[in-house]
């Protein structure tokens, strides 16, 4: 299993009823009533515009009476809720997600799923430091898993274009037990001339076949759609370049010259555009 090993799932299943039973008690422990009322009144406005008012792991541990893992499960649920409502590739929102995941893994350093998920959802073309920071923490706390170095290799390959480090982490993943057979081929593929989006597509397709967590599976499917869109657009740009012997000024020009019917929609709500300086298709926040 990729995103949650059997032990984590079993523990989670046993604890899920307890989480709801003690949730009201935990709220009472963490917040006084006046503060809670203030949060309830302002939550919908503040949760996106401001970083979540998360307590430190030290504060939580001092009030949870040894139930650190249970608290981690509770904040993991809150993380998923937050992402479901606010997942969008901007710096502030990624910082908020990182804060949640960092708290979860401070409370339960062995919570492998939180590391994997952060490596998938946090990085983008503009910023990957938060994902790398969480991954390095995961490498230290969960050296037994192959997924953490595997995703870290992907981050260095795709977002940092640091092929030496990417190969290093893919090779590290290949040495771990129960690693996917396909993961063992990636280090060799990285040394070939295979394009970056072909590599990314191969990775997500292989992983999607082995994901049992539905929420993460849906995220992987979106990544597959994104990579297919990149490949389609890059192929259309090549057709344009061959036909007109120049680069397009923008992707809209592919439509006006009948090379492309329409620009595909990004499954995460961003916008594809032609970066003339880097000479490739990239993503950006949509113009409001």
Protein backbone atom coordinates (compact mmCIF):
# COMPACT_ATOMS: atom_id res chain seq x y z
CA UNK A 1 0.00 0.00 0.00
CA UNK A 2 1.34 3.42 -0.94
CA UNK A 3 -0.20 6.04 1.29
CA UNK A 4 -1.03 4.15 4.47
CA UNK A 5 0.53 0.98 5.74
CA UNK A 6 -1.59 -1.70 7.35
CA UNK A 7 -0.63 -0.73 10.89
CA UNK A 8 -1.67 2.89 10.39
CA UNK A 9 -4.99 1.87 8.87
CA UNK A 10 -5.74 -0.60 11.65
CA UNK A 11 -4.91 1.95 14.32
CA UNK A 12 -6.97 4.56 12.51
CA UNK A 13 -9.98 2.24 12.25
CA UNK A 14 -9.83 1.44 15.94
CA UNK A 15 -9.50 5.07 16.90
CA UNK A 16 -12.05 6.65 14.58
CA UNK A 17 -14.97 6.13 16.97
CA UNK A 18 -12.91 7.47 19.86
CA UNK A 19 -12.00 10.55 17.83
CA UNK A 20 -15.62 11.62 17.52
CA UNK A 21 -16.37 10.73 21.12
CA UNK A 22 -13.59 12.87 22.50
CA UNK A 23 -13.69 15.64 19.89
CA UNK A 24 -15.92 17.82 22.05
CA UNK A 25 -13.70 17.16 25.05
CA UNK A 26 -10.58 17.97 23.07
CA UNK A 27 -12.09 21.25 21.93
CA UNK A 28 -12.81 22.08 25.53
CA UNK A 29 -9.25 21.27 26.46
CA UNK A 30 -7.70 23.29 23.66
CA UNK A 31 -9.84 26.42 23.78
CA UNK A 32 -11.78 28.37 26.33
CA UNK A 33 -15.39 29.08 25.43
CA UNK A 34 -14.97 32.74 24.50
CA UNK A 35 -12.13 31.91 22.11
CA UNK A 36 -14.14 29.06 20.60
CA UNK A 37 -17.12 31.34 19.97
CA UNK A 38 -14.86 33.84 18.25
CA UNK A 39 -13.42 31.14 16.01
CA UNK A 40 -16.88 29.83 15.11
CA UNK A 41 -18.05 33.33 14.18
CA UNK A 42 -15.04 34.11 11.98
CA UNK A 43 -14.01 30.69 10.70
CA UNK A 44 -15.36 30.89 7.15
CA UNK A 45 -13.70 34.26 6.57
CA UNK A 46 -10.39 33.70 8.31
CA UNK A 47 -9.48 30.13 7.44
CA UNK A 48 -8.44 31.02 3.89
CA UNK A 49 -7.17 34.56 4.38
CA UNK A 50 -5.10 33.87 7.50
CA UNK A 51 -2.99 30.91 8.63
CA UNK A 52 -4.99 28.51 10.82
CA UNK A 53 -4.71 29.22 14.53
CA UNK A 54 -3.00 25.93 15.22
CA UNK A 55 -1.48 25.25 18.62
CA UNK A 56 2.08 23.97 18.82
CA UNK A 57 2.66 20.25 19.28
CA UNK A 58 4.05 21.04 22.73
CA UNK A 59 0.80 22.76 23.71
CA UNK A 60 -1.32 19.89 22.41
CA UNK A 61 0.80 17.27 24.18
CA UNK A 62 0.54 19.10 27.47
CA UNK A 63 -3.26 18.86 27.30
CA UNK A 64 -3.89 15.49 25.66
CA UNK A 65 -2.62 13.31 28.55
CA UNK A 66 -0.44 11.01 26.46
CA UNK A 67 -2.88 10.50 23.57
CA UNK A 68 -0.47 11.99 21.03
CA UNK A 69 -1.40 9.60 18.21
CA UNK A 70 -5.10 10.23 18.77
CA UNK A 71 -4.52 13.98 18.55
CA UNK A 72 -2.52 13.41 15.34
CA UNK A 73 -5.48 11.52 13.86
CA UNK A 74 -7.83 14.33 14.82
CA UNK A 75 -5.66 16.98 13.18
CA UNK A 76 -5.22 14.72 10.14
CA UNK A 77 -9.00 14.76 9.67
CA UNK A 78 -8.97 18.55 10.01
CA UNK A 79 -6.20 18.69 7.38
CA UNK A 80 -8.27 16.73 4.88
CA UNK A 81 -11.28 18.95 5.57
CA UNK A 82 -9.20 22.08 5.01
CA UNK A 83 -7.73 20.78 1.75
CA UNK A 84 -11.15 19.73 0.48
CA UNK A 85 -12.45 23.26 0.96
CA UNK A 86 -9.41 25.34 0.06
CA UNK A 87 -6.93 23.39 -2.08
CA UNK A 88 -5.42 25.97 -4.41
CA UNK A 89 -1.83 26.48 -5.51
CA UNK A 90 -0.86 29.73 -3.81
CA UNK A 91 1.86 30.31 -1.24
CA UNK A 92 -0.34 31.20 1.73
CA UNK A 93 -2.61 28.22 1.29
CA UNK A 94 0.35 25.85 0.87
CA UNK A 95 1.84 27.28 4.07
CA UNK A 96 -1.43 26.54 5.87
CA UNK A 97 -1.47 22.95 4.61
CA UNK A 98 2.17 22.54 5.63
CA UNK A 99 1.36 23.86 9.12
CA UNK A 100 -1.35 21.21 9.50
CA UNK A 101 0.87 18.39 8.25
CA UNK A 102 3.82 19.53 10.32
CA UNK A 103 1.66 19.49 13.45
CA UNK A 104 0.33 16.02 12.59
CA UNK A 105 3.86 14.64 12.17
CA UNK A 106 5.12 16.40 15.29
CA UNK A 107 2.39 14.65 17.27
CA UNK A 108 2.98 11.32 15.52
CA UNK A 109 6.40 11.27 13.79
CA UNK A 110 5.66 7.82 12.34
CA UNK A 111 2.49 8.94 10.51
CA UNK A 112 3.82 8.02 7.05
CA UNK A 113 0.65 8.98 5.17
CA UNK A 114 1.02 12.64 6.15
CA UNK A 115 4.53 12.78 4.67
CA UNK A 116 3.49 11.12 1.39
CA UNK A 117 0.45 13.33 1.02
CA UNK A 118 2.39 16.52 1.67
CA UNK A 119 4.94 15.58 -0.97
CA UNK A 120 2.12 15.24 -3.50
CA UNK A 121 0.00 18.26 -2.69
CA UNK A 122 2.49 20.94 -1.59
CA UNK A 123 4.98 21.46 -4.43
CA UNK A 124 4.37 23.61 -7.48
CA UNK A 125 6.57 25.21 -10.13
CA UNK A 126 7.13 28.31 -8.04
CA UNK A 127 7.77 26.79 -4.61
CA UNK A 128 8.83 23.35 -3.43
CA UNK A 129 10.70 24.13 -0.19
CA UNK A 130 7.80 23.20 2.09
CA UNK A 131 7.38 19.79 0.47
CA UNK A 132 11.11 19.12 0.69
CA UNK A 133 11.20 20.20 4.35
CA UNK A 134 8.40 17.78 5.20
CA UNK A 135 10.05 15.00 3.15
CA UNK A 136 13.40 15.37 4.91
CA UNK A 137 11.59 15.11 8.22
CA UNK A 138 9.91 11.96 6.92
CA UNK A 139 13.21 10.43 5.80
CA UNK A 140 14.50 10.79 9.35
CA UNK A 141 11.38 9.49 11.10
CA UNK A 142 10.35 6.80 8.61
CA UNK A 143 13.54 5.46 7.00
CA UNK A 144 11.74 2.15 6.35
CA UNK A 145 9.38 3.49 3.66
CA UNK A 146 10.20 3.73 -0.05
CA UNK A 147 7.49 6.28 -0.83
CA UNK A 148 9.12 9.25 0.91
CA UNK A 149 12.41 9.18 -1.09
CA UNK A 150 10.41 8.25 -4.20
CA UNK A 151 8.26 11.38 -4.07
CA UNK A 152 11.25 13.47 -3.06
CA UNK A 153 13.02 12.27 -6.20
CA UNK A 154 10.00 13.38 -8.21
CA UNK A 155 10.07 16.84 -6.58
CA UNK A 156 13.76 17.31 -7.39
CA UNK A 157 13.28 16.04 -10.92
CA UNK A 158 10.15 17.87 -11.92
CA UNK A 159 10.15 21.06 -9.85
CA UNK A 160 13.83 21.68 -9.15
CA UNK A 161 15.24 20.12 -12.34
CA UNK A 162 18.05 18.78 -10.18
CA UNK A 163 18.54 15.45 -11.92
CA UNK A 164 21.48 14.37 -9.78
CA UNK A 165 19.50 14.63 -6.54
CA UNK A 166 16.42 13.17 -8.20
CA UNK A 167 18.38 10.10 -9.27
CA UNK A 168 19.87 9.81 -5.78
CA UNK A 169 16.46 9.66 -4.12
CA UNK A 170 14.93 7.32 -6.70
CA UNK A 171 17.87 4.98 -6.18
CA UNK A 172 17.36 5.22 -2.41
CA UNK A 173 13.68 4.33 -2.85
CA UNK A 174 14.64 1.35 -5.01
CA UNK A 175 16.64 -0.12 -2.10
CA UNK A 176 13.65 -0.18 0.26
CA UNK A 177 11.48 -3.26 0.86
CA UNK A 178 8.17 -3.70 -1.01
CA UNK A 179 9.04 -0.95 -3.49
CA UNK A 180 7.10 -0.91 -6.78
CA UNK A 181 8.93 -2.63 -9.63
CA UNK A 182 8.36 0.45 -11.76
CA UNK A 183 10.16 2.60 -9.18
CA UNK A 184 13.33 0.61 -9.76
CA UNK A 185 13.32 1.64 -13.43
CA UNK A 186 13.00 5.36 -12.80
CA UNK A 187 16.65 6.04 -11.98
CA UNK A 188 17.62 4.56 -15.35
CA UNK A 189 14.85 6.49 -17.09
CA UNK A 190 16.14 9.73 -15.55
CA UNK A 191 19.49 9.16 -17.21
CA UNK A 192 17.81 8.78 -20.60
CA UNK A 193 16.36 11.50 -22.81
CA UNK A 194 12.79 10.88 -21.73
CA UNK A 195 10.86 14.16 -21.31
CA UNK A 196 9.93 15.47 -17.88
CA UNK A 197 6.17 15.13 -18.42
CA UNK A 198 6.55 11.60 -19.79
CA UNK A 199 8.41 10.68 -16.59
CA UNK A 200 5.75 12.33 -14.43
CA UNK A 201 2.92 10.61 -16.31
CA UNK A 202 4.57 7.22 -15.97
CA UNK A 203 5.05 7.77 -12.25
CA UNK A 204 1.45 8.80 -11.52
CA UNK A 205 -0.05 6.05 -13.68
CA UNK A 206 1.99 3.40 -11.89
CA UNK A 207 1.14 4.78 -8.48
CA UNK A 208 -2.58 5.13 -9.20
CA UNK A 209 -2.79 1.39 -9.84
CA UNK A 210 -1.64 0.71 -6.27
CA UNK A 211 -3.42 3.40 -4.24
CA UNK A 212 -6.10 2.16 -1.85
CA UNK A 213 -6.87 5.52 -0.21
CA UNK A 214 -9.68 7.04 -2.31
CA UNK A 215 -8.91 10.68 -1.43
CA UNK A 216 -5.30 10.31 -2.52
CA UNK A 217 -6.33 8.25 -5.56
CA UNK A 218 -8.46 11.17 -6.75
CA UNK A 219 -5.46 13.49 -6.32
CA UNK A 220 -3.33 11.10 -8.39
CA UNK A 221 -5.98 10.99 -11.14
CA UNK A 222 -5.89 14.78 -11.30
CA UNK A 223 -2.11 14.68 -11.62
CA UNK A 224 -2.46 12.20 -14.51
CA UNK A 225 -4.91 14.54 -16.25
CA UNK A 226 -2.54 17.47 -15.71
CA UNK A 227 0.41 15.60 -17.26
CA UNK A 228 -1.70 14.45 -20.23
CA UNK A 229 -2.71 18.09 -20.78
CA UNK A 230 0.94 19.16 -20.70
CA UNK A 231 1.87 16.51 -23.26
CA UNK A 232 -1.00 17.50 -25.55
CA UNK A 233 -0.12 21.20 -25.40
CA UNK A 234 3.60 20.59 -25.88
CA UNK A 235 2.86 18.44 -28.92
CA UNK A 236 0.63 21.17 -30.35
CA UNK A 237 3.40 23.74 -29.80
CA UNK A 238 5.77 21.51 -31.78
CA UNK A 239 3.22 21.30 -34.61
CA UNK A 240 2.96 25.10 -34.60
CA UNK A 241 6.76 25.49 -34.61
CA UNK A 242 7.09 23.11 -37.55
CA UNK A 243 4.31 24.80 -39.50
CA UNK A 244 5.32 28.44 -38.92
CA UNK A 245 9.04 28.09 -38.11
CA UNK A 246 8.69 30.11 -34.90
CA UNK A 247 7.38 29.88 -31.34
CA UNK A 248 3.79 30.87 -30.62
CA UNK A 249 3.29 34.17 -28.85
CA UNK A 250 0.81 32.47 -26.51
CA UNK A 251 -1.38 29.38 -26.39
CA UNK A 252 -4.36 31.27 -27.80
CA UNK A 253 -2.43 31.55 -31.06
CA UNK A 254 -2.62 27.76 -31.36
CA UNK A 255 -6.39 28.12 -31.52
CA UNK A 256 -6.46 31.01 -34.01
CA UNK A 257 -4.16 29.03 -36.34
CA UNK A 258 -6.37 25.93 -35.94
CA UNK A 259 -3.60 23.84 -34.43
CA UNK A 260 -5.65 23.41 -31.24
CA UNK A 261 -9.41 23.51 -30.71
CA UNK A 262 -9.36 24.64 -27.07
CA UNK A 263 -6.94 25.01 -24.17
CA UNK A 264 -7.66 22.23 -21.65
CA UNK A 265 -8.70 23.04 -18.10
CA UNK A 266 -6.26 22.23 -15.33
CA UNK A 267 -7.88 19.89 -12.77
CA UNK A 268 -6.50 21.99 -9.91
CA UNK A 269 -7.91 25.27 -11.24
CA UNK A 270 -4.72 26.84 -12.58
CA UNK A 271 -4.14 28.11 -16.13
CA UNK A 272 -1.77 26.77 -18.79
CA UNK A 273 0.37 29.35 -20.58
CA UNK A 274 3.33 29.48 -22.94
CA UNK A 275 6.48 30.75 -21.20
CA UNK A 276 8.47 32.35 -24.02
CA UNK A 277 11.56 32.78 -21.85
CA UNK A 278 11.78 29.14 -20.74
CA UNK A 279 10.25 27.93 -24.01
CA UNK A 280 7.76 25.56 -22.48
CA UNK A 281 4.18 25.28 -21.31
CA UNK A 282 3.71 26.18 -17.65
CA UNK A 283 0.98 26.86 -15.09
CA UNK A 284 -0.09 30.04 -13.34
CA UNK A 285 -2.93 31.31 -11.19
CA UNK A 286 -5.94 32.27 -13.32
CA UNK A 287 -6.53 35.94 -13.95
CA UNK A 288 -9.41 37.08 -11.76
